[in-house]
């Protein structure tokens, strides 16, 4: 549809928590991590607006 466009999407390491079926702590235990450990991986967060092509579907 738009061959000259690139869409890059990376929700980061905590994205799986949104879909985790159990308690938050179980997520971190299973992943051998903690919220603090995951947040320490980032120096900054960049939020990009969704391309209009995705919103029109």
C-alpha atoms as a PDB file:
ATOM      1  CA  UNK A   1       0.000   0.000   0.000  1.00  0.00           C
ATOM      2  CA  UNK A   2       2.813   2.418   0.941  1.00  0.00           C
ATOM      3  CA  UNK A   3       6.087   0.769  -0.100  1.00  0.00           C
ATOM      4  CA  UNK A   4       8.260   3.769   0.804  1.00  0.00           C
ATOM      5  CA  UNK A   5       7.198   3.898   4.460  1.00  0.00           C
ATOM      6  CA  UNK A   6       8.722   2.132   7.429  1.00  0.00           C
ATOM      7  CA  UNK A   7       6.891   1.516  10.680  1.00  0.00           C
ATOM      8  CA  UNK A   8       9.097   0.741  13.661  1.00  0.00           C
ATOM      9  CA  UNK A   9       7.457  -0.521  16.820  1.00  0.00           C
ATOM     10  CA  UNK A  10       9.169  -1.628  20.013  1.00  0.00           C
ATOM     11  CA  UNK A  11       7.143  -1.632  23.167  1.00  0.00           C
ATOM     12  CA  UNK A  12      10.058  -2.545  25.368  1.00  0.00           C
ATOM     13  CA  UNK A  13      10.631  -5.233  27.946  1.00  0.00           C
ATOM     14  CA  UNK A  14       7.653  -4.352  30.134  1.00  0.00           C
ATOM     15  CA  UNK A  15       5.069  -4.774  27.357  1.00  0.00           C
ATOM     16  CA  UNK A  16       4.458  -8.388  28.325  1.00  0.00           C
ATOM     17  CA  UNK A  17       3.190  -7.293  31.719  1.00  0.00           C
ATOM     18  CA  UNK A  18       0.091  -5.796  30.061  1.00  0.00           C
ATOM     19  CA  UNK A  19      -0.901  -9.275  28.856  1.00  0.00           C
ATOM     20  CA  UNK A  20       0.249 -11.266  31.883  1.00  0.00           C
ATOM     21  CA  UNK A  21      -2.674 -13.334  33.213  1.00  0.00           C
ATOM     22  CA  UNK A  22      -1.555 -13.372  36.823  1.00  0.00           C
ATOM     23  CA  UNK A  23      -0.297 -11.011  39.505  1.00  0.00           C
ATOM     24  CA  UNK A  24       2.392  -8.493  38.568  1.00  0.00           C
ATOM     25  CA  UNK A  25       4.901 -10.040  40.978  1.00  0.00           C
ATOM     26  CA  UNK A  26       4.530 -13.422  39.255  1.00  0.00           C
ATOM     27  CA  UNK A  27       5.578 -11.765  35.991  1.00  0.00           C
ATOM     28  CA  UNK A  28       8.794 -10.443  37.488  1.00  0.00           C
ATOM     29  CA  UNK A  29       9.534 -13.715  39.280  1.00  0.00           C
ATOM     30  CA  UNK A  30       9.083 -15.696  36.067  1.00  0.00           C
ATOM     31  CA  UNK A  31      11.239 -13.240  34.110  1.00  0.00           C
ATOM     32  CA  UNK A  32      13.912 -13.236  36.851  1.00  0.00           C
ATOM     33  CA  UNK A  33      13.646  -9.460  37.050  1.00  0.00           C
ATOM     34  CA  UNK A  34      11.982  -6.596  38.920  1.00  0.00           C
ATOM     35  CA  UNK A  35      10.300  -3.338  37.975  1.00  0.00           C
ATOM     36  CA  UNK A  36      13.388  -1.463  39.143  1.00  0.00           C
ATOM     37  CA  UNK A  37      15.687  -3.660  37.015  1.00  0.00           C
ATOM     38  CA  UNK A  38      13.547  -3.168  33.922  1.00  0.00           C
ATOM     39  CA  UNK A  39      13.241   0.594  34.358  1.00  0.00           C
ATOM     40  CA  UNK A  40      17.004   0.893  34.887  1.00  0.00           C
ATOM     41  CA  UNK A  41      17.541  -0.392  31.318  1.00  0.00           C
ATOM     42  CA  UNK A  42      16.245   2.895  29.880  1.00  0.00           C
ATOM     43  CA  UNK A  43      17.926   6.281  29.754  1.00  0.00           C
ATOM     44  CA  UNK A  44      14.965   7.853  27.968  1.00  0.00           C
ATOM     45  CA  UNK A  45      11.645   6.980  26.404  1.00  0.00           C
ATOM     46  CA  UNK A  46      10.596   8.271  23.010  1.00  0.00           C
ATOM     47  CA  UNK A  47       6.905   8.350  22.193  1.00  0.00           C
ATOM     48  CA  UNK A  48       6.048   8.638  18.540  1.00  0.00           C
ATOM     49  CA  UNK A  49       2.562   9.449  17.305  1.00  0.00           C
ATOM     50  CA  UNK A  50       0.782   6.680  15.415  1.00  0.00           C
ATOM     51  CA  UNK A  51       0.901   7.095  11.643  1.00  0.00           C
ATOM     52  CA  UNK A  52      -2.466   8.211  10.278  1.00  0.00           C
ATOM     53  CA  UNK A  53      -2.500   5.199   7.949  1.00  0.00           C
ATOM     54  CA  UNK A  54      -2.901   2.957  11.020  1.00  0.00           C
ATOM     55  CA  UNK A  55      -5.672   5.089  12.492  1.00  0.00           C
ATOM     56  CA  UNK A  56      -7.770   5.052   9.305  1.00  0.00           C
ATOM     57  CA  UNK A  57      -8.142   1.267   9.187  1.00  0.00           C
END
